[in-house]
Protein backbone atom coordinates (compact mmCIF):
# COMPACT_ATOMS: atom_id res chain seq x y z
CA MET A 1 -16.48 7.29 -9.59
CA THR A 2 -14.35 6.31 -12.72
CA ALA A 3 -12.34 8.81 -14.52
CA THR A 4 -9.98 8.84 -17.56
CA ALA A 5 -6.51 7.96 -16.46
CA PRO A 6 -3.86 10.50 -17.05
CA ASP A 7 -1.72 10.13 -20.17
CA PRO A 8 0.88 7.42 -19.07
CA LEU A 9 4.04 8.76 -21.29
CA PRO A 10 4.43 12.05 -19.40
CA VAL A 11 3.86 10.30 -15.90
CA ARG A 12 6.50 7.85 -16.68
CA GLU A 13 8.96 10.39 -18.00
CA ALA A 14 8.48 12.36 -14.90
CA ASN A 15 8.85 9.37 -12.46
CA LEU A 16 12.16 8.19 -14.47
CA ARG A 17 13.50 11.57 -13.66
CA VAL A 18 13.01 10.99 -10.17
CA LEU A 19 14.80 7.72 -10.13
CA GLU A 20 17.83 9.69 -11.85
CA ARG A 21 17.79 12.22 -9.07
CA LEU A 22 17.84 9.45 -6.55
CA GLY A 23 20.91 8.08 -8.21
CA LEU A 24 19.06 4.74 -8.95
CA PRO A 25 19.17 2.66 -11.89
CA VAL A 26 16.76 3.34 -14.64
CA PRO A 27 14.75 0.80 -16.43
CA ALA A 28 14.81 0.17 -20.31
CA ASP A 29 12.64 2.06 -22.46
CA ASN A 30 10.54 -1.15 -22.96
CA PHE A 31 9.67 -1.27 -19.37
CA PRO A 32 6.09 -1.98 -19.14
CA MET A 33 3.43 0.71 -18.55
CA VAL A 34 0.86 0.29 -15.74
CA TRP A 35 -2.05 1.49 -17.90
CA ASP A 36 -2.63 2.43 -21.51
CA PRO A 37 -3.90 5.76 -22.98
CA GLY A 38 -7.80 5.90 -22.82
CA ASP A 39 -8.13 3.69 -19.87
CA GLU A 40 -10.30 4.58 -17.04
CA MET A 41 -9.59 4.12 -13.42
CA GLU A 42 -11.01 4.74 -9.74
CA LEU A 43 -10.05 4.18 -6.27
CA ARG A 44 -11.35 1.52 -4.14
CA PRO A 45 -14.40 2.94 -2.14
CA ARG A 46 -13.50 4.60 1.15
CA ALA A 47 -15.09 2.16 3.38
CA GLU A 48 -13.04 -0.63 1.72
CA LEU A 49 -9.85 1.39 1.99
CA GLU A 50 -10.63 2.19 5.77
CA ALA A 51 -11.10 -1.67 6.42
CA ARG A 52 -8.05 -2.78 4.77
CA VAL A 53 -6.15 -0.46 6.80
CA ALA A 54 -8.04 -1.59 10.14
CA VAL A 55 -7.29 -5.23 9.19
CA LEU A 56 -3.60 -4.66 8.52
CA ASN A 57 -3.30 -2.67 11.91
CA ILE A 58 -4.68 -5.76 13.74
CA VAL A 59 -2.11 -7.80 11.68
CA LEU A 60 0.63 -5.44 12.91
CA ALA A 61 -0.49 -5.66 16.36
CA ARG A 62 -0.43 -9.36 16.40
CA SER A 63 3.21 -9.22 15.02
CA PHE A 64 4.16 -7.15 17.91
CA GLY A 65 2.48 -9.27 20.71
CA MET A 66 -1.16 -8.59 20.75
CA PRO A 67 -3.03 -11.63 22.07
CA PRO A 68 -5.13 -13.43 19.51
CA LYS A 69 -8.23 -13.43 21.47
CA MET A 70 -7.94 -9.60 21.80
CA ALA A 71 -7.50 -9.31 18.13
CA MET A 72 -10.36 -11.41 17.09
CA GLU A 73 -12.73 -9.57 19.50
CA TRP A 74 -11.65 -6.27 18.07
CA LEU A 75 -12.32 -7.60 14.43
CA LEU A 76 -15.81 -9.22 15.39
CA ASP A 77 -16.89 -5.83 17.09
CA ALA A 78 -15.73 -4.07 13.83
CA HIS A 79 -17.51 -6.63 11.80
CA LEU A 80 -14.14 -7.14 9.80
CA VAL A 81 -13.48 -11.16 10.19
CA GLU A 82 -14.68 -11.86 6.68
CA ARG A 83 -12.12 -9.13 5.40
CA LEU A 84 -8.98 -11.16 6.62
CA THR A 85 -7.30 -13.05 3.98
CA ARG A 86 -6.57 -16.64 4.56
CA PRO A 87 -2.84 -15.89 5.41
CA GLU A 88 -3.79 -13.21 7.64
CA TRP A 89 -6.40 -15.52 9.27
CA HIS A 90 -3.93 -18.00 10.11
CA PHE A 91 -1.48 -15.52 11.58
CA VAL A 92 -4.04 -13.72 13.66
CA VAL A 93 -5.53 -16.85 15.21
CA ALA A 94 -2.83 -19.31 15.27
CA ASP A 95 0.54 -17.31 14.79
CA LYS A 96 1.08 -19.45 11.45
CA GLY A 97 3.17 -17.45 8.97
CA ASP A 98 6.19 -15.31 8.83
CA GLN A 99 6.07 -12.61 11.64
CA PHE A 100 8.64 -10.52 9.97
CA SER A 101 6.72 -10.40 6.75
CA PHE A 102 3.67 -9.40 8.48
CA ALA A 103 5.41 -6.70 10.45
CA LEU A 104 6.60 -5.35 7.10
CA HIS A 105 2.93 -4.34 6.25
CA LEU A 106 3.47 -1.08 8.24
CA GLU A 107 4.91 -0.02 5.01
CA ALA A 108 1.90 -0.98 3.17
CA VAL A 109 -0.32 0.72 5.62
CA TYR A 110 1.80 4.05 4.98
CA ALA A 111 1.04 3.80 1.50
CA LEU A 112 -2.81 3.32 2.23
CA GLY A 113 -2.66 5.99 4.67
CA TRP A 114 -1.21 8.44 1.90
CA VAL A 115 -4.30 7.45 -0.35
CA MET A 116 -6.63 8.20 2.25
CA GLY A 117 -5.07 11.63 3.18
CA LEU A 118 -3.69 10.65 6.59
CA THR A 119 -0.12 11.38 5.57
CA ARG A 120 1.16 14.36 3.54
CA ASP A 121 3.78 12.45 1.47
CA LEU A 122 5.25 9.12 0.60
CA ASP A 123 8.88 9.75 0.52
CA PRO A 124 10.76 6.95 -1.17
CA CYS A 125 13.76 7.87 1.02
CA ARG A 126 12.18 7.62 4.19
CA ALA A 127 10.52 5.04 6.46
CA SER A 128 6.85 5.38 7.30
CA ALA A 129 5.88 8.80 8.50
CA ASN A 130 6.29 10.10 12.21
CA GLY A 131 2.89 10.10 13.61
CA LEU A 132 1.35 7.32 11.37
CA VAL A 133 0.65 5.02 14.26
CA GLN A 134 -1.44 7.89 16.10
CA ARG A 135 -3.78 8.24 12.99
CA LEU A 136 -4.45 4.37 13.27
CA PRO A 137 -6.89 2.65 15.48
CA ASN A 138 -5.56 3.11 18.97
CA LEU A 139 -5.92 -0.70 20.02
CA ALA A 140 -4.30 0.00 23.50
CA GLU A 141 -6.89 2.34 24.39
CA GLY A 142 -9.60 0.28 23.12
CA GLU A 143 -10.69 2.39 20.23
CA THR A 144 -13.24 0.62 18.19
CA PHE A 145 -13.39 0.70 14.36
CA ALA A 146 -16.40 2.94 14.37
CA SER A 147 -14.88 5.40 16.71
CA TRP A 148 -11.58 5.51 14.70
CA ARG A 149 -13.71 6.05 11.68
CA GLY A 150 -15.49 9.01 13.22
CA ARG A 151 -11.93 10.50 14.42
CA THR A 152 -10.10 10.41 11.37
CA LEU A 153 -12.66 11.51 8.63
CA THR A 154 -10.44 10.33 5.83
CA ALA A 155 -10.27 12.19 2.42
CA PRO A 156 -8.95 10.07 -0.44
CA ARG A 157 -6.90 11.53 -2.92
CA GLU A 158 -7.42 12.04 -6.62
CA PRO A 159 -7.21 8.94 -8.63
CA GLY A 160 -4.76 10.44 -10.93
CA GLU A 161 -2.47 11.35 -8.27
CA VAL A 162 -2.54 7.77 -7.03
CA ALA A 163 -2.02 6.51 -10.31
CA SER A 164 1.02 8.60 -10.73
CA GLN A 165 2.44 7.51 -7.44
CA LEU A 166 1.66 4.04 -8.55
CA ASP A 167 3.75 4.26 -11.68
CA LEU A 168 6.63 5.70 -9.59
CA HIS A 169 6.57 2.72 -7.19
CA TYR A 170 6.21 0.29 -10.00
CA CYS A 171 9.67 2.00 -11.26
CA LEU A 172 11.13 2.20 -7.81
CA ASP A 173 10.33 -1.51 -7.10
CA TRP A 174 12.60 -2.35 -10.13
CA ALA A 175 15.24 0.11 -9.38
CA TYR A 176 15.58 -0.70 -5.71
CA LEU A 177 15.89 -4.51 -6.51
CA GLU A 178 18.34 -3.83 -9.29
CA ALA A 179 20.40 -1.42 -7.00
CA GLU A 180 20.68 -4.16 -4.33
CA ARG A 181 21.41 -6.92 -6.94
CA ARG A 182 24.35 -4.76 -8.12
CA ASN A 183 25.38 -3.80 -4.68
CA LEU A 184 24.68 -0.08 -5.59
CA PRO A 185 24.06 2.58 -2.61
CA LEU A 186 20.43 2.95 -1.80
CA PRO A 187 19.26 6.64 -1.60
CA GLY A 188 17.70 6.60 1.94
CA GLU A 189 16.69 4.59 4.96
CA VAL A 190 14.30 2.09 3.17
CA ASP A 191 15.23 -0.96 1.26
CA SER A 192 13.37 -3.10 -1.63
CA ASN A 193 11.10 -4.68 1.06
CA ALA A 194 9.51 -1.27 2.07
CA ILE A 195 9.08 -0.13 -1.52
CA GLY A 196 7.28 -3.44 -2.62
CA GLN A 197 5.01 -3.12 0.37
CA ARG A 198 4.10 0.33 -0.79
CA ARG A 199 3.75 -0.84 -4.25
CA TRP A 200 1.49 -3.55 -3.20
CA ALA A 201 -0.97 -1.27 -1.41
CA LEU A 202 -1.00 1.30 -4.39
CA GLU A 203 -1.73 -1.56 -6.77
CA TRP A 204 -4.67 -2.56 -4.62
CA ALA A 205 -5.88 0.76 -4.12
CA VAL A 206 -6.46 2.04 -7.48
CA VAL A 207 -8.32 0.03 -10.07
CA PHE A 208 -8.07 0.30 -13.88
CA HIS A 209 -10.78 -0.54 -16.49
CA GLY A 210 -9.65 -1.28 -19.97
CA PRO A 211 -9.07 -3.81 -22.55
CA TYR A 212 -5.93 -5.21 -21.00
CA HIS A 213 -7.03 -5.16 -17.37
CA ASP A 214 -8.80 -7.80 -15.09
CA ALA A 215 -11.43 -7.47 -12.65
CA PRO A 216 -10.17 -5.73 -9.35
CA LEU A 217 -7.88 -8.19 -7.48
CA ALA A 218 -8.07 -9.11 -3.85
CA TRP A 219 -5.30 -8.25 -1.74
CA GLU A 220 -3.35 -11.40 -1.80
CA GLU A 221 -3.86 -11.57 -5.62
CA ILE A 222 -1.82 -8.61 -6.22
CA ASP A 223 1.35 -9.77 -8.24
CA LEU A 224 4.53 -7.98 -7.54
CA SER A 225 6.64 -10.10 -9.74
CA VAL A 226 5.57 -8.30 -12.96
């Protein structure tokens, strides 16, 4: 269900104050907004959010040694094979790709878990939440996708709350990269890679509608360079 996006100006002002409290660089006044006044927004459907988390969970499992045959059998049973992106397919099936990059997706799962109500917060100073793995499909015990969906009963957050968190991570992404470029101390135990993964997930999860927004992008189409 679409809703009017919150006024972006007070959201941005509040998020810049967060950067200041963290001791991070603050972007210039002309730093782009994520959305414009009057834009509409919505979250991806719950089933789509759950499917993306399940696929990323398999990708993570492969990066930590899950055999490809077992991974594909799980995805086939879940009817999620078609949800794999091309890079994910090559990695899951044939170990092609940067294993470290795929392992970083744990932080994207953390952000999606927050969107889905599986974790209480999304702390920019702390690595993925304790207990997050227990809220994902238990692959070691053979838990199916259907069983996991029944066990978790996800409750996605309000779109406006997710949009505010996206704007924060848009600013944090710039601030962490700038701090690392200038060799400034970071405020916690995560770096720009983790923040970028979280921004990736939030950019994908929330969809804006307005004159300057494109159609919803696929997972691999999310552009973090802007």
